[in-house]
PDB file of N, CA and C in Angstrom:
ATOM      1  N   MET A   1      74.645 -69.146 -62.565  1.00  0.00           N
ATOM      2  CA  MET A   1      73.554 -68.620 -61.881  1.00  0.00           C
ATOM      3  C   MET A   1      72.848 -67.658 -62.805  1.00  0.00           C
ATOM      4  N   TYR A   2      71.487 -67.731 -62.807  1.00  0.00           N
ATOM      5  CA  TYR A   2      70.652 -66.860 -63.660  1.00  0.00           C
ATOM      6  C   TYR A   2      70.006 -65.853 -62.600  1.00  0.00           C
ATOM      7  N   GLU A   3      69.788 -64.561 -63.195  1.00  0.00           N
ATOM      8  CA  GLU A   3      69.205 -63.523 -62.469  1.00  0.00           C
ATOM      9  C   GLU A   3      68.204 -63.001 -63.258  1.00  0.00           C
ATOM     10  N   TYR A   4      66.909 -62.740 -62.628  1.00  0.00           N
ATOM     11  CA  TYR A   4      65.830 -62.312 -63.244  1.00  0.00           C
ATOM     12  C   TYR A   4      65.264 -61.105 -62.571  1.00  0.00           C
ATOM     13  N   SER A   5      64.937 -60.025 -63.183  1.00  0.00           N
ATOM     14  CA  SER A   5      64.336 -58.762 -62.567  1.00  0.00           C
ATOM     15  C   SER A   5      62.893 -58.953 -62.664  1.00  0.00           C
ATOM     16  N   THR A   6      62.165 -59.002 -61.524  1.00  0.00           N
ATOM     17  CA  THR A   6      60.735 -59.167 -61.428  1.00  0.00           C
ATOM     18  C   THR A   6      60.009 -57.949 -61.812  1.00  0.00           C
ATOM     19  N   THR A   7      58.638 -57.938 -62.103  1.00  0.00           N
ATOM     20  CA  THR A   7      57.896 -56.834 -62.299  1.00  0.00           C
ATOM     21  C   THR A   7      56.457 -57.149 -61.619  1.00  0.00           C
ATOM     22  N   GLY A   8      56.026 -56.188 -60.872  1.00  0.00           N
ATOM     23  CA  GLY A   8      54.689 -56.257 -60.171  1.00  0.00           C
ATOM     24  C   GLY A   8      54.679 -57.124 -58.903  1.00  0.00           C
ATOM     25  N   THR A   9      55.784 -57.307 -58.287  1.00  0.00           N
ATOM     26  CA  THR A   9      55.991 -57.902 -57.055  1.00  0.00           C
ATOM     27  C   THR A   9      56.689 -57.192 -56.019  1.00  0.00           C
ATOM     28  N   CYS A  10      56.607 -57.512 -54.754  1.00  0.00           N
ATOM     29  CA  CYS A  10      57.499 -57.036 -53.766  1.00  0.00           C
ATOM     30  C   CYS A  10      58.951 -57.292 -53.932  1.00  0.00           C
ATOM     31  N   SER A  11      59.260 -58.521 -54.355  1.00  0.00           N
ATOM     32  CA  SER A  11      60.633 -58.836 -54.553  1.00  0.00           C
ATOM     33  C   SER A  11      61.118 -58.196 -55.947  1.00  0.00           C
ATOM     34  N   SER A  12      62.368 -57.900 -55.975  1.00  0.00           N
ATOM     35  CA  SER A  12      62.933 -57.257 -57.174  1.00  0.00           C
ATOM     36  C   SER A  12      63.816 -58.105 -58.224  1.00  0.00           C
ATOM     37  N   LYS A  13      64.351 -59.203 -57.578  1.00  0.00           N
ATOM     38  CA  LYS A  13      65.135 -60.032 -58.365  1.00  0.00           C
ATOM     39  C   LYS A  13      65.046 -61.445 -57.833  1.00  0.00           C
ATOM     40  N   ILE A  14      65.179 -62.452 -58.736  1.00  0.00           N
ATOM     41  CA  ILE A  14      65.248 -63.927 -58.296  1.00  0.00           C
ATOM     42  C   ILE A  14      66.595 -64.406 -59.017  1.00  0.00           C
ATOM     43  N   ARG A  15      67.207 -65.178 -58.194  1.00  0.00           N
ATOM     44  CA  ARG A  15      68.466 -65.904 -58.641  1.00  0.00           C
ATOM     45  C   ARG A  15      68.388 -67.328 -58.406  1.00  0.00           C
ATOM     46  N   PHE A  16      68.976 -68.042 -59.369  1.00  0.00           N
ATOM     47  CA  PHE A  16      68.776 -69.562 -59.340  1.00  0.00           C
ATOM     48  C   PHE A  16      69.706 -70.145 -60.324  1.00  0.00           C
ATOM     49  N   ASN A  17      70.088 -71.439 -59.985  1.00  0.00           N
ATOM     50  CA  ASN A  17      70.774 -72.197 -60.981  1.00  0.00           C
ATOM     51  C   ASN A  17      69.903 -73.231 -61.552  1.00  0.00           C
ATOM     52  N   VAL A  18      70.193 -73.724 -62.797  1.00  0.00           N
ATOM     53  CA  VAL A  18      69.560 -74.883 -63.393  1.00  0.00           C
ATOM     54  C   VAL A  18      70.615 -75.891 -63.702  1.00  0.00           C
ATOM     55  N   GLU A  19      70.611 -77.104 -63.107  1.00  0.00           N
ATOM     56  CA  GLU A  19      71.529 -78.121 -63.416  1.00  0.00           C
ATOM     57  C   GLU A  19      70.765 -79.350 -63.740  1.00  0.00           C
ATOM     58  N   ASP A  20      71.009 -80.116 -64.909  1.00  0.00           N
ATOM     59  CA  ASP A  20      70.209 -81.294 -65.196  1.00  0.00           C
ATOM     60  C   ASP A  20      68.767 -80.984 -65.280  1.00  0.00           C
ATOM     61  N   ASN A  21      68.298 -79.893 -65.691  1.00  0.00           N
ATOM     62  CA  ASN A  21      66.872 -79.463 -65.728  1.00  0.00           C
ATOM     63  C   ASN A  21      66.204 -79.401 -64.438  1.00  0.00           C
ATOM     64  N   LYS A  22      67.002 -79.123 -63.396  1.00  0.00           N
ATOM     65  CA  LYS A  22      66.462 -78.884 -62.082  1.00  0.00           C
ATOM     66  C   LYS A  22      66.870 -77.721 -61.378  1.00  0.00           C
ATOM     67  N   ILE A  23      66.031 -77.074 -60.686  1.00  0.00           N
ATOM     68  CA  ILE A  23      66.186 -75.813 -59.897  1.00  0.00           C
ATOM     69  C   ILE A  23      67.133 -76.055 -58.691  1.00  0.00           C
ATOM     70  N   HIS A  24      68.090 -75.178 -58.459  1.00  0.00           N
ATOM     71  CA  HIS A  24      68.884 -75.173 -57.329  1.00  0.00           C
ATOM     72  C   HIS A  24      69.235 -73.774 -56.877  1.00  0.00           C
ATOM     73  N   ASN A  25      69.513 -73.601 -55.576  1.00  0.00           N
ATOM     74  CA  ASN A  25      69.994 -72.396 -54.985  1.00  0.00           C
ATOM     75  C   ASN A  25      69.164 -71.172 -55.265  1.00  0.00           C
ATOM     76  N   LEU A  26      67.850 -71.348 -55.229  1.00  0.00           N
ATOM     77  CA  LEU A  26      66.919 -70.261 -55.482  1.00  0.00           C
ATOM     78  C   LEU A  26      66.887 -69.287 -54.288  1.00  0.00           C
ATOM     79  N   ALA A  27      67.021 -67.934 -54.760  1.00  0.00           N
ATOM     80  CA  ALA A  27      67.023 -66.890 -53.762  1.00  0.00           C
ATOM     81  C   ALA A  27      66.233 -65.650 -54.463  1.00  0.00           C
ATOM     82  N   PHE A  28      65.497 -65.020 -53.562  1.00  0.00           N
ATOM     83  CA  PHE A  28      64.743 -63.735 -53.883  1.00  0.00           C
ATOM     84  C   PHE A  28      65.347 -62.585 -53.231  1.00  0.00           C
ATOM     85  N   GLU A  29      65.334 -61.527 -53.848  1.00  0.00           N
ATOM     86  CA  GLU A  29      65.717 -60.274 -53.344  1.00  0.00           C
ATOM     87  C   GLU A  29      64.568 -59.419 -52.976  1.00  0.00           C
ATOM     88  N   GLY A  30      64.358 -59.090 -51.722  1.00  0.00           N
ATOM     89  CA  GLY A  30      63.050 -58.435 -51.153  1.00  0.00           C
ATOM     90  C   GLY A  30      62.001 -59.279 -51.046  1.00  0.00           C
ATOM     91  N   GLY A  31      60.800 -58.751 -50.865  1.00  0.00           N
ATOM     92  CA  GLY A  31      59.727 -59.658 -50.751  1.00  0.00           C
ATOM     93  C   GLY A  31      59.382 -60.207 -49.294  1.00  0.00           C
ATOM     94  N   CYS A  32      58.608 -61.153 -49.213  1.00  0.00           N
ATOM     95  CA  CYS A  32      58.165 -61.672 -47.820  1.00  0.00           C
ATOM     96  C   CYS A  32      59.175 -62.710 -47.581  1.00  0.00           C
ATOM     97  N   ASN A  33      60.136 -62.364 -46.765  1.00  0.00           N
ATOM     98  CA  ASN A  33      61.304 -63.228 -46.566  1.00  0.00           C
ATOM     99  C   ASN A  33      60.974 -64.692 -46.247  1.00  0.00           C
ATOM    100  N   GLY A  34      59.973 -64.825 -45.247  1.00  0.00           N
ATOM    101  CA  GLY A  34      59.924 -66.277 -44.853  1.00  0.00           C
ATOM    102  C   GLY A  34      59.091 -67.058 -45.973  1.00  0.00           C
ATOM    103  N   ASN A  35      58.078 -66.609 -46.523  1.00  0.00           N
ATOM    104  CA  ASN A  35      57.474 -67.162 -47.646  1.00  0.00           C
ATOM    105  C   ASN A  35      58.499 -67.514 -48.729  1.00  0.00           C
ATOM    106  N   LEU A  36      59.252 -66.680 -49.094  1.00  0.00           N
ATOM    107  CA  LEU A  36      60.203 -66.790 -50.323  1.00  0.00           C
ATOM    108  C   LEU A  36      61.229 -67.843 -50.047  1.00  0.00           C
ATOM    109  N   LYS A  37      61.626 -67.942 -48.700  1.00  0.00           N
ATOM    110  CA  LYS A  37      62.567 -69.003 -48.319  1.00  0.00           C
ATOM    111  C   LYS A  37      62.002 -70.322 -48.430  1.00  0.00           C
ATOM    112  N   ALA A  38      60.644 -70.285 -48.049  1.00  0.00           N
ATOM    113  CA  ALA A  38      59.884 -71.554 -48.024  1.00  0.00           C
ATOM    114  C   ALA A  38      59.779 -72.196 -49.506  1.00  0.00           C
ATOM    115  N   ILE A  39      59.466 -71.175 -50.453  1.00  0.00           N
ATOM    116  CA  ILE A  39      59.415 -71.513 -51.752  1.00  0.00           C
ATOM    117  C   ILE A  39      60.748 -72.069 -52.340  1.00  0.00           C
ATOM    118  N   GLY A  40      61.833 -71.436 -51.897  1.00  0.00           N
ATOM    119  CA  GLY A  40      63.179 -71.905 -52.155  1.00  0.00           C
ATOM    120  C   GLY A  40      63.420 -73.330 -51.770  1.00  0.00           C
ATOM    121  N   LEU A  41      62.873 -73.613 -50.571  1.00  0.00           N
ATOM    122  CA  LEU A  41      63.046 -75.095 -50.025  1.00  0.00           C
ATOM    123  C   LEU A  41      62.208 -75.970 -50.809  1.00  0.00           C
ATOM    124  N   LEU A  42      61.047 -75.584 -51.161  1.00  0.00           N
ATOM    125  CA  LEU A  42      59.926 -76.437 -51.800  1.00  0.00           C
ATOM    126  C   LEU A  42      60.371 -76.842 -53.268  1.00  0.00           C
ATOM    127  N   VAL A  43      60.983 -75.809 -53.986  1.00  0.00           N
ATOM    128  CA  VAL A  43      61.337 -76.148 -55.272  1.00  0.00           C
ATOM    129  C   VAL A  43      62.752 -76.613 -55.478  1.00  0.00           C
ATOM    130  N   GLU A  44      63.600 -76.724 -54.447  1.00  0.00           N
ATOM    131  CA  GLU A  44      64.949 -77.149 -54.622  1.00  0.00           C
ATOM    132  C   GLU A  44      64.956 -78.576 -55.177  1.00  0.00           C
ATOM    133  N   GLY A  45      65.570 -78.656 -56.313  1.00  0.00           N
ATOM    134  CA  GLY A  45      65.742 -80.167 -57.029  1.00  0.00           C
ATOM    135  C   GLY A  45      64.498 -80.325 -57.878  1.00  0.00           C
ATOM    136  N   MET A  46      63.539 -79.425 -58.085  1.00  0.00           N
ATOM    137  CA  MET A  46      62.368 -79.786 -58.818  1.00  0.00           C
ATOM    138  C   MET A  46      62.850 -79.437 -60.293  1.00  0.00           C
ATOM    139  N   GLU A  47      62.139 -80.339 -61.075  1.00  0.00           N
ATOM    140  CA  GLU A  47      62.298 -80.216 -62.579  1.00  0.00           C
ATOM    141  C   GLU A  47      61.660 -78.826 -63.116  1.00  0.00           C
ATOM    142  N   THR A  48      62.321 -78.192 -64.045  1.00  0.00           N
ATOM    143  CA  THR A  48      61.957 -76.839 -64.420  1.00  0.00           C
ATOM    144  C   THR A  48      60.501 -76.941 -64.965  1.00  0.00           C
ATOM    145  N   GLY A  49      60.112 -77.854 -65.856  1.00  0.00           N
ATOM    146  CA  GLY A  49      58.762 -78.027 -66.342  1.00  0.00           C
ATOM    147  C   GLY A  49      57.670 -78.168 -65.344  1.00  0.00           C
ATOM    148  N   GLU A  50      57.931 -78.907 -64.272  1.00  0.00           N
ATOM    149  CA  GLU A  50      57.076 -79.070 -63.325  1.00  0.00           C
ATOM    150  C   GLU A  50      56.878 -77.778 -62.429  1.00  0.00           C
ATOM    151  N   LEU A  51      58.029 -77.033 -62.247  1.00  0.00           N
ATOM    152  CA  LEU A  51      57.975 -75.793 -61.561  1.00  0.00           C
ATOM    153  C   LEU A  51      57.003 -74.818 -62.288  1.00  0.00           C
ATOM    154  N   VAL A  52      57.183 -74.698 -63.656  1.00  0.00           N
ATOM    155  CA  VAL A  52      56.406 -73.776 -64.399  1.00  0.00           C
ATOM    156  C   VAL A  52      54.921 -74.271 -64.309  1.00  0.00           C
ATOM    157  N   LYS A  53      54.653 -75.558 -64.497  1.00  0.00           N
ATOM    158  CA  LYS A  53      53.382 -75.998 -64.439  1.00  0.00           C
ATOM    159  C   LYS A  53      52.626 -75.629 -63.203  1.00  0.00           C
ATOM    160  N   ARG A  54      53.247 -75.749 -62.019  1.00  0.00           N
ATOM    161  CA  ARG A  54      52.616 -75.552 -60.818  1.00  0.00           C
ATOM    162  C   ARG A  54      52.434 -74.083 -60.364  1.00  0.00           C
ATOM    163  N   LEU A  55      53.361 -73.172 -60.835  1.00  0.00           N
ATOM    164  CA  LEU A  55      53.539 -71.803 -60.300  1.00  0.00           C
ATOM    165  C   LEU A  55      53.046 -70.713 -61.194  1.00  0.00           C
ATOM    166  N   LYS A  56      52.999 -71.096 -62.539  1.00  0.00           N
ATOM    167  CA  LYS A  56      52.559 -70.144 -63.525  1.00  0.00           C
ATOM    168  C   LYS A  56      51.034 -69.691 -63.127  1.00  0.00           C
ATOM    169  N   GLY A  57      50.922 -68.477 -63.090  1.00  0.00           N
ATOM    170  CA  GLY A  57      49.557 -67.934 -63.008  1.00  0.00           C
ATOM    171  C   GLY A  57      49.173 -67.566 -61.621  1.00  0.00           C
ATOM    172  N   VAL A  58      50.006 -67.925 -60.603  1.00  0.00           N
ATOM    173  CA  VAL A  58      49.638 -67.620 -59.129  1.00  0.00           C
ATOM    174  C   VAL A  58      49.585 -66.173 -58.991  1.00  0.00           C
ATOM    175  N   GLN A  59      48.448 -65.746 -58.301  1.00  0.00           N
ATOM    176  CA  GLN A  59      48.373 -64.304 -58.122  1.00  0.00           C
ATOM    177  C   GLN A  59      48.435 -64.038 -56.570  1.00  0.00           C
ATOM    178  N   CYS A  60      48.810 -62.738 -56.351  1.00  0.00           N
ATOM    179  CA  CYS A  60      48.936 -62.223 -55.015  1.00  0.00           C
ATOM    180  C   CYS A  60      48.402 -60.928 -54.897  1.00  0.00           C
ATOM    181  N   GLY A  61      47.526 -60.685 -53.791  1.00  0.00           N
ATOM    182  CA  GLY A  61      47.064 -59.426 -53.293  1.00  0.00           C
ATOM    183  C   GLY A  61      46.300 -58.739 -54.443  1.00  0.00           C
ATOM    184  N   GLY A  62      45.558 -59.352 -55.148  1.00  0.00           N
ATOM    185  CA  GLY A  62      44.762 -58.732 -56.337  1.00  0.00           C
ATOM    186  C   GLY A  62      45.558 -58.385 -57.389  1.00  0.00           C
ATOM    187  N   ARG A  63      46.828 -58.715 -57.506  1.00  0.00           N
ATOM    188  CA  ARG A  63      47.615 -58.418 -58.601  1.00  0.00           C
ATOM    189  C   ARG A  63      47.501 -59.617 -59.642  1.00  0.00           C
ATOM    190  N   ASP A  64      47.896 -59.392 -60.851  1.00  0.00           N
ATOM    191  CA  ASP A  64      47.960 -60.397 -61.932  1.00  0.00           C
ATOM    192  C   ASP A  64      49.048 -61.256 -61.762  1.00  0.00           C
ATOM    193  N   THR A  65      50.094 -61.086 -60.853  1.00  0.00           N
ATOM    194  CA  THR A  65      51.207 -61.869 -60.732  1.00  0.00           C
ATOM    195  C   THR A  65      51.545 -62.031 -59.396  1.00  0.00           C
ATOM    196  N   SER A  66      52.603 -62.819 -59.029  1.00  0.00           N
ATOM    197  CA  SER A  66      53.099 -63.032 -57.648  1.00  0.00           C
ATOM    198  C   SER A  66      54.589 -63.331 -57.846  1.00  0.00           C
ATOM    199  N   CYS A  67      55.326 -63.563 -56.648  1.00  0.00           N
ATOM    200  CA  CYS A  67      56.682 -63.997 -56.733  1.00  0.00           C
ATOM    201  C   CYS A  67      56.668 -65.345 -57.356  1.00  0.00           C
ATOM    202  N   ALA A  68      55.848 -66.199 -57.063  1.00  0.00           N
ATOM    203  CA  ALA A  68      55.808 -67.591 -57.624  1.00  0.00           C
ATOM    204  C   ALA A  68      55.592 -67.487 -59.210  1.00  0.00           C
ATOM    205  N   ASP A  69      54.755 -66.687 -59.537  1.00  0.00           N
ATOM    206  CA  ASP A  69      54.571 -66.665 -60.874  1.00  0.00           C
ATOM    207  C   ASP A  69      55.639 -65.960 -61.658  1.00  0.00           C
ATOM    208  N   GLN A  70      56.327 -64.972 -61.053  1.00  0.00           N
ATOM    209  CA  GLN A  70      57.512 -64.365 -61.638  1.00  0.00           C
ATOM    210  C   GLN A  70      58.648 -65.475 -61.734  1.00  0.00           C
ATOM    211  N   LEU A  71      58.714 -66.379 -60.787  1.00  0.00           N
ATOM    212  CA  LEU A  71      59.705 -67.518 -60.750  1.00  0.00           C
ATOM    213  C   LEU A  71      59.409 -68.269 -62.004  1.00  0.00           C
ATOM    214  N   ALA A  72      58.124 -68.709 -62.291  1.00  0.00           N
ATOM    215  CA  ALA A  72      57.789 -69.416 -63.423  1.00  0.00           C
ATOM    216  C   ALA A  72      58.173 -68.641 -64.686  1.00  0.00           C
ATOM    217  N   ALA A  73      57.947 -67.433 -64.824  1.00  0.00           N
ATOM    218  CA  ALA A  73      58.301 -66.625 -65.838  1.00  0.00           C
ATOM    219  C   ALA A  73      59.926 -66.595 -66.117  1.00  0.00           C
ATOM    220  N   ALA A  74      60.759 -66.555 -64.934  1.00  0.00           N
ATOM    221  CA  ALA A  74      62.103 -66.544 -64.992  1.00  0.00           C
ATOM    222  C   ALA A  74      62.634 -67.854 -65.690  1.00  0.00           C
ATOM    223  N   VAL A  75      62.051 -68.999 -65.078  1.00  0.00           N
ATOM    224  CA  VAL A  75      62.418 -70.300 -65.545  1.00  0.00           C
ATOM    225  C   VAL A  75      62.091 -70.560 -66.972  1.00  0.00           C
ATOM    226  N   THR A  76      60.944 -70.090 -67.407  1.00  0.00           N
ATOM    227  CA  THR A  76      60.511 -70.056 -68.805  1.00  0.00           C
ATOM    228  C   THR A  76      61.470 -69.305 -69.703  1.00  0.00           C
ATOM    229  N   GLU A  77      61.927 -68.264 -69.332  1.00  0.00           N
ATOM    230  CA  GLU A  77      62.925 -67.475 -69.980  1.00  0.00           C
ATOM    231  C   GLU A  77      64.364 -68.215 -70.031  1.00  0.00           C
ATOM    232  N   VAL A  78      64.739 -68.773 -69.130  1.00  0.00           N
ATOM    233  CA  VAL A  78      65.878 -69.615 -69.043  1.00  0.00           C
ATOM    234  C   VAL A  78      65.825 -70.845 -69.942  1.00  0.00           C
ATOM    235  N   LEU A  79      64.633 -71.563 -69.893  1.00  0.00           N
ATOM    236  CA  LEU A  79      64.388 -72.682 -71.004  1.00  0.00           C
ATOM    237  C   LEU A  79      64.547 -72.120 -72.287  1.00  0.00           C
ATOM    238  N   ARG A  80      63.909 -71.002 -72.562  1.00  0.00           N
ATOM    239  CA  ARG A  80      63.995 -70.511 -74.123  1.00  0.00           C
ATOM    240  C   ARG A  80      65.432 -70.182 -74.528  1.00  0.00           C
ATOM    241  N   LEU A  81      66.183 -69.646 -73.585  1.00  0.00           N
ATOM    242  CA  LEU A  81      67.650 -69.394 -73.781  1.00  0.00           C
ATOM    243  C   LEU A  81      68.437 -70.638 -74.049  1.00  0.00           C
ATOM    244  N   GLN A  82      68.063 -71.528 -73.272  1.00  0.00           N
ATOM    245  CA  GLN A  82      68.850 -72.850 -73.396  1.00  0.00           C
ATOM    246  C   GLN A  82      68.414 -73.525 -74.838  1.00  0.00           C
ATOM    247  N   GLU A  83      67.262 -73.484 -75.178  1.00  0.00           N
ATOM    248  CA  GLU A  83      66.773 -74.075 -76.436  1.00  0.00           C
ATOM    249  C   GLU A  83      67.528 -73.291 -77.651  1.00  0.00           C
ATOM    250  N   LYS A  84      67.665 -71.999 -77.483  1.00  0.00           N
ATOM    251  CA  LYS A  84      68.410 -71.296 -78.541  1.00  0.00           C
ATOM    252  C   LYS A  84      69.771 -71.666 -78.685  1.00  0.00           C
ATOM    253  N   LYS A  85      70.456 -72.024 -77.692  1.00  0.00           N
ATOM    254  CA  LYS A  85      71.865 -72.443 -77.648  1.00  0.00           C
ATOM    255  C   LYS A  85      72.163 -73.879 -78.317  1.00  0.00           C
ATOM    256  N   GLN A  86      70.977 -74.511 -78.440  1.00  0.00           N
ATOM    257  CA  GLN A  86      71.188 -76.038 -78.905  1.00  0.00           C
ATOM    258  C   GLN A  86      71.005 -76.066 -80.368  1.00  0.00           C
TER     259      GLN A  86
END
């Protein structure tokens, strides 16, 4: 399970697994409960690259980021860490 501390959003942490390059068990701490549960359901089993492509740059409430954008940043960080291990 990966854990990512967010910045600039109502949620404070994101937790998820990556198995076979796909997202599983996504959970946000804090934030808009219903919307974040929906994001979790929508991205379950999604390939990491597709997730980053779709969610990177999404803004919320006049901010330069959003919970979705922070998820893309978290997945990008995990992909970098995985590349370093190889």
